[in-house]
Amino acid sequence: SANTSATSNVVCLACPAGKFSMTEGATTCTDCRPHAPRYSLNAGSSTCSDNCSAPGYYLVTTIDTSTCTPCSTGTYSVTPGATVLATCLPCEAGTFADATGASVCTNCIPGTSSTSRWASSPDLCGSCTTGKYSNQGSTTCATCEAGKRSSTGASTCTTCIAGTYSSALSETCSACTPGKYSSQGSITCATCEAGKRSSTGASTCTTCIAGTYSSAHSETCSNCTPGKYSPHAGATSVLACLNCEAG
């Protein structure tokens, strides 16, 4: 195994945590602490430490032993050489520690949030719902403003493309109806003025050609009736259709 080696049929065993061996050919391991607060954190140690130097741990001392104890999941410690459990602090909302001995808590990933302190799993970072988003380490998801949208678990909001619009907290952008249009990031669609037209999802209005006309909010331009004509583009009513001259 990783903690054993064999030479001439002699099996060398790793000293357990709390003991050490600093000489070759040793037949026993020595306790780190018969009389002083010393410890070895890992198996296979050749020396003992005088204190819990690693942040994320604290030293528990009894009459017979000294044990470097990791902070539990959901907590962390930045204090080297700690000797009391109180140095293990709870992870704040928006973070978690899913392993013992943490010296820092991990941020919830973008697109999630958490209101829980002491969180011990990334599963406690819930995905943002549609129409919302978050940065890393968030305690709540923010609302996408009007003119934008987002799907579940979004880290940013997406701007609505031209020809569409949205209200705040939207999952999708809606297409403009016929006779209307919009530019990118719109919160509503504007009405095409008389003399112009548009189809569904239009980003601009199209001017009616000569011989046709339209009122405001039109999907199509109407033709002048037989015997009449309109010499100019953008006619706004049937009154722009003039009688053809005789002959």
Protein backbone atom coordinates (compact mmCIF):
# COMPACT_ATOMS: atom_id res chain seq x y z
CA SER A 1 0.00 0.00 0.00
CA ALA A 2 1.00 3.68 -0.10
CA ASN A 3 2.08 3.52 3.58
CA THR A 4 4.16 0.35 3.50
CA SER A 5 7.34 -0.88 1.77
CA ALA A 6 9.03 -4.29 1.72
CA THR A 7 12.80 -5.01 1.68
CA SER A 8 14.20 -8.53 2.29
CA ASN A 9 10.79 -9.60 3.53
CA VAL A 10 10.77 -6.87 6.20
CA VAL A 11 7.58 -4.78 6.09
CA CYS A 12 7.95 -1.12 7.11
CA LEU A 13 4.79 0.44 8.51
CA ALA A 14 3.93 4.12 8.67
CA CYS A 15 3.71 5.61 12.14
CA PRO A 16 0.11 6.55 12.92
CA ALA A 17 -0.91 10.13 13.49
CA GLY A 18 0.22 11.25 16.95
CA LYS A 19 3.50 9.29 16.74
CA PHE A 20 6.78 9.67 14.89
CA SER A 21 10.02 7.94 13.97
CA MET A 22 13.16 9.89 13.03
CA THR A 23 15.69 7.04 12.75
CA GLU A 24 16.21 4.38 10.12
CA GLY A 25 15.60 0.82 11.21
CA ALA A 26 13.25 1.81 14.02
CA THR A 27 11.16 -0.99 15.49
CA THR A 28 8.65 1.28 17.23
CA CYS A 29 7.15 4.74 16.88
CA THR A 30 7.44 7.35 19.61
CA ASP A 31 4.51 9.22 21.05
CA CYS A 32 4.60 12.87 20.16
CA ARG A 33 3.35 13.90 23.54
CA PRO A 34 4.13 12.20 26.77
CA HIS A 35 4.73 15.52 28.54
CA ALA A 36 4.29 18.45 26.12
CA PRO A 37 1.60 19.55 23.66
CA ARG A 38 3.11 18.12 20.53
CA TYR A 39 1.38 16.28 17.69
CA SER A 40 1.76 14.77 14.26
CA LEU A 41 -1.10 15.45 11.92
CA ASN A 42 -0.43 12.79 9.28
CA ALA A 43 0.60 9.16 9.33
CA GLY A 44 4.25 8.48 8.47
CA SER A 45 5.66 11.54 10.27
CA SER A 46 9.35 11.81 11.18
CA THR A 47 8.86 14.84 13.43
CA CYS A 48 6.25 16.33 15.71
CA SER A 49 4.95 19.87 15.71
CA ASP A 50 4.78 22.16 18.70
CA ASN A 51 1.37 23.54 17.78
CA CYS A 52 -1.39 23.31 15.22
CA SER A 53 0.26 25.57 12.69
CA ALA A 54 -2.17 24.95 9.86
CA PRO A 55 -5.21 27.24 9.60
CA GLY A 56 -8.40 25.17 9.63
CA TYR A 57 -7.27 23.12 12.62
CA TYR A 58 -7.10 23.53 16.39
CA LEU A 59 -5.18 21.61 19.07
CA VAL A 60 -7.14 19.48 21.55
CA THR A 61 -4.94 18.62 24.53
CA THR A 62 -5.63 16.06 27.26
CA ILE A 63 -3.39 14.56 29.94
CA ASP A 64 -2.21 11.83 27.58
CA THR A 65 -2.62 13.15 24.04
CA SER A 66 -2.59 16.19 21.83
CA THR A 67 -4.68 15.98 18.71
CA CYS A 68 -4.75 18.48 15.91
CA THR A 69 -8.46 18.53 15.10
CA PRO A 70 -9.90 19.86 11.83
CA CYS A 71 -12.72 22.37 11.80
CA SER A 72 -15.93 20.59 10.82
CA THR A 73 -17.65 21.00 7.47
CA GLY A 74 -19.54 24.26 7.22
CA THR A 75 -16.84 26.06 9.22
CA TYR A 76 -13.36 27.44 8.64
CA SER A 77 -10.46 28.98 10.52
CA VAL A 78 -7.76 31.42 9.45
CA THR A 79 -5.95 31.17 12.81
CA PRO A 80 -2.65 29.26 12.84
CA GLY A 81 -1.74 27.60 16.11
CA ALA A 82 -5.34 27.58 17.35
CA THR A 83 -6.08 25.80 20.61
CA VAL A 84 -9.85 26.25 20.90
CA LEU A 85 -12.84 25.19 18.82
CA ALA A 86 -14.13 28.79 18.87
CA THR A 87 -11.59 29.70 16.19
CA CYS A 88 -13.66 27.63 13.73
CA LEU A 89 -16.12 30.14 12.33
CA PRO A 90 -19.31 29.45 10.37
CA CYS A 91 -19.27 29.92 6.63
CA GLU A 92 -21.35 32.98 5.81
CA ALA A 93 -24.36 32.95 3.52
CA GLY A 94 -23.30 32.57 -0.11
CA THR A 95 -20.43 30.26 0.79
CA PHE A 96 -19.85 26.67 1.97
CA ALA A 97 -17.14 24.30 3.19
CA ASP A 98 -17.71 20.70 2.14
CA ALA A 99 -14.48 19.34 3.61
CA THR A 100 -13.08 19.42 7.15
CA GLY A 101 -10.05 21.55 7.93
CA ALA A 102 -11.03 24.47 5.70
CA SER A 103 -9.07 27.71 5.96
CA VAL A 104 -11.50 29.47 3.66
CA CYS A 105 -15.09 28.91 2.57
CA THR A 106 -15.90 28.38 -1.10
CA ASN A 107 -18.18 30.81 -2.90
CA CYS A 108 -21.40 29.57 -4.42
CA ILE A 109 -20.89 29.55 -8.18
CA PRO A 110 -22.43 32.24 -10.42
CA GLY A 111 -26.07 31.51 -11.16
CA THR A 112 -26.73 30.24 -7.63
CA SER A 113 -27.28 31.72 -4.18
CA SER A 114 -27.54 30.63 -0.57
CA THR A 115 -28.96 32.25 2.55
CA SER A 116 -27.62 29.49 4.82
CA ARG A 117 -24.77 29.95 7.27
CA TRP A 118 -22.78 26.82 8.24
CA ALA A 119 -23.39 25.44 4.72
CA SER A 120 -21.50 22.16 4.25
CA SER A 121 -22.38 21.37 0.64
CA PRO A 122 -22.57 23.15 -2.72
CA ASP A 123 -26.05 21.60 -2.98
CA LEU A 124 -27.20 24.31 -0.56
CA CYS A 125 -26.43 26.88 -3.27
CA GLY A 126 -29.75 26.94 -5.13
CA SER A 127 -30.03 27.85 -8.80
CA CYS A 128 -31.48 31.24 -9.66
CA THR A 129 -34.99 31.01 -11.08
CA THR A 130 -35.91 32.29 -14.52
CA GLY A 131 -35.71 36.05 -14.89
CA LYS A 132 -32.98 36.30 -12.26
CA TYR A 133 -29.18 36.01 -12.09
CA SER A 134 -26.29 36.09 -9.62
CA ASN A 135 -22.54 36.53 -9.29
CA GLN A 136 -20.39 34.12 -7.29
CA GLY A 137 -20.87 34.12 -3.53
CA SER A 138 -24.36 35.59 -3.73
CA THR A 139 -26.91 35.43 -0.95
CA THR A 140 -29.78 36.21 -3.29
CA CYS A 141 -30.47 36.33 -7.01
CA ALA A 142 -31.05 39.72 -8.62
CA THR A 143 -33.91 40.46 -11.01
CA CYS A 144 -33.21 40.94 -14.70
CA GLU A 145 -34.41 44.41 -15.67
CA ALA A 146 -36.93 45.07 -18.41
CA GLY A 147 -35.42 44.61 -21.86
CA LYS A 148 -33.47 41.55 -20.72
CA ARG A 149 -34.15 37.89 -19.95
CA SER A 150 -32.57 34.85 -18.28
CA SER A 151 -33.03 31.10 -17.95
CA THR A 152 -32.64 29.03 -14.77
CA GLY A 153 -29.18 29.25 -13.20
CA ALA A 154 -28.10 32.34 -15.13
CA SER A 155 -24.99 34.31 -14.17
CA THR A 156 -25.97 37.25 -16.37
CA CYS A 157 -29.06 38.58 -18.12
CA THR A 158 -29.29 38.51 -21.91
CA THR A 159 -30.39 41.65 -23.73
CA CYS A 160 -33.47 41.23 -25.92
CA ILE A 161 -32.65 41.42 -29.64
CA ALA A 162 -34.17 44.04 -31.93
CA GLY A 163 -37.75 43.15 -32.82
CA THR A 164 -38.49 41.82 -29.34
CA TYR A 165 -39.11 43.22 -25.84
CA SER A 166 -39.53 42.09 -22.24
CA SER A 167 -40.71 43.25 -18.86
CA ALA A 168 -38.60 42.74 -15.72
CA LEU A 169 -38.17 39.19 -14.40
CA SER A 170 -38.67 37.60 -17.84
CA GLU A 171 -37.49 34.21 -19.05
CA THR A 172 -38.04 35.10 -22.71
CA CYS A 173 -38.29 38.14 -24.95
CA SER A 174 -41.56 38.49 -26.86
CA ALA A 175 -41.71 39.35 -30.55
CA CYS A 176 -43.27 42.66 -31.54
CA THR A 177 -46.71 42.22 -33.10
CA PRO A 178 -47.44 43.36 -36.69
CA GLY A 179 -47.48 47.12 -37.07
CA LYS A 180 -44.88 47.58 -34.33
CA TYR A 181 -41.08 47.46 -34.00
CA SER A 182 -38.29 47.69 -31.44
CA SER A 183 -34.56 48.20 -31.09
CA GLN A 184 -32.24 46.01 -28.99
CA GLY A 185 -33.01 45.92 -25.25
CA SER A 186 -36.51 47.35 -25.56
CA ILE A 187 -39.08 47.23 -22.79
CA THR A 188 -41.97 47.75 -25.24
CA CYS A 189 -42.57 47.92 -28.98
CA ALA A 190 -43.22 51.23 -30.73
CA THR A 191 -46.03 51.71 -33.24
CA CYS A 192 -45.23 52.17 -36.91
CA GLU A 193 -46.47 55.56 -38.04
CA ALA A 194 -48.91 56.05 -40.91
CA GLY A 195 -47.26 55.47 -44.28
CA LYS A 196 -45.24 52.56 -42.96
CA ARG A 197 -45.79 48.90 -42.09
CA SER A 198 -44.14 45.98 -40.27
CA SER A 199 -44.47 42.23 -39.82
CA THR A 200 -44.08 40.19 -36.61
CA GLY A 201 -40.70 40.68 -34.88
CA ALA A 202 -39.71 43.76 -36.87
CA SER A 203 -36.73 45.90 -35.87
CA THR A 204 -37.77 48.74 -38.22
CA CYS A 205 -40.82 49.87 -40.13
CA THR A 206 -40.91 49.71 -43.94
CA THR A 207 -42.12 52.73 -45.89
CA CYS A 208 -45.08 52.09 -48.19
CA ILE A 209 -44.09 52.33 -51.85
CA ALA A 210 -45.72 54.70 -54.35
CA GLY A 211 -49.20 53.53 -55.28
CA THR A 212 -49.90 52.28 -51.74
CA TYR A 213 -50.75 53.80 -48.35
CA SER A 214 -51.24 52.79 -44.72
CA SER A 215 -52.60 54.06 -41.46
CA ALA A 216 -50.60 53.79 -38.23
CA HIS A 217 -50.04 50.31 -36.75
CA SER A 218 -50.34 48.53 -40.10
CA GLU A 219 -48.98 45.14 -41.11
CA THR A 220 -49.46 45.84 -44.84
CA CYS A 221 -49.76 48.79 -47.21
CA SER A 222 -53.02 49.01 -49.14
CA ASN A 223 -53.09 49.52 -52.90
CA CYS A 224 -54.84 52.51 -54.43
CA THR A 225 -58.04 51.32 -56.11
CA PRO A 226 -58.13 50.90 -59.89
CA GLY A 227 -58.25 54.26 -61.63
CA LYS A 228 -56.28 55.97 -58.92
CA TYR A 229 -52.58 56.36 -58.14
CA SER A 230 -50.22 57.71 -55.51
CA PRO A 231 -47.03 59.26 -56.87
CA HIS A 232 -45.13 59.40 -53.61
CA ALA A 233 -43.86 56.74 -51.17
CA GLY A 234 -45.11 56.85 -47.60
CA ALA A 235 -48.71 57.84 -48.29
CA THR A 236 -50.69 57.94 -45.07
CA SER A 237 -54.29 57.58 -46.26
CA VAL A 238 -56.54 56.73 -49.15
CA LEU A 239 -56.83 60.47 -49.77
CA ALA A 240 -53.31 60.34 -51.17
CA CYS A 241 -54.63 58.22 -54.06
CA LEU A 242 -55.39 60.58 -56.92
CA ASN A 243 -57.69 60.06 -59.90
CA CYS A 244 -55.94 59.09 -63.07
CA GLU A 245 -56.35 61.64 -65.88
CA ALA A 246 -58.67 60.70 -68.71
CA GLY A 247 -56.89 59.00 -71.59
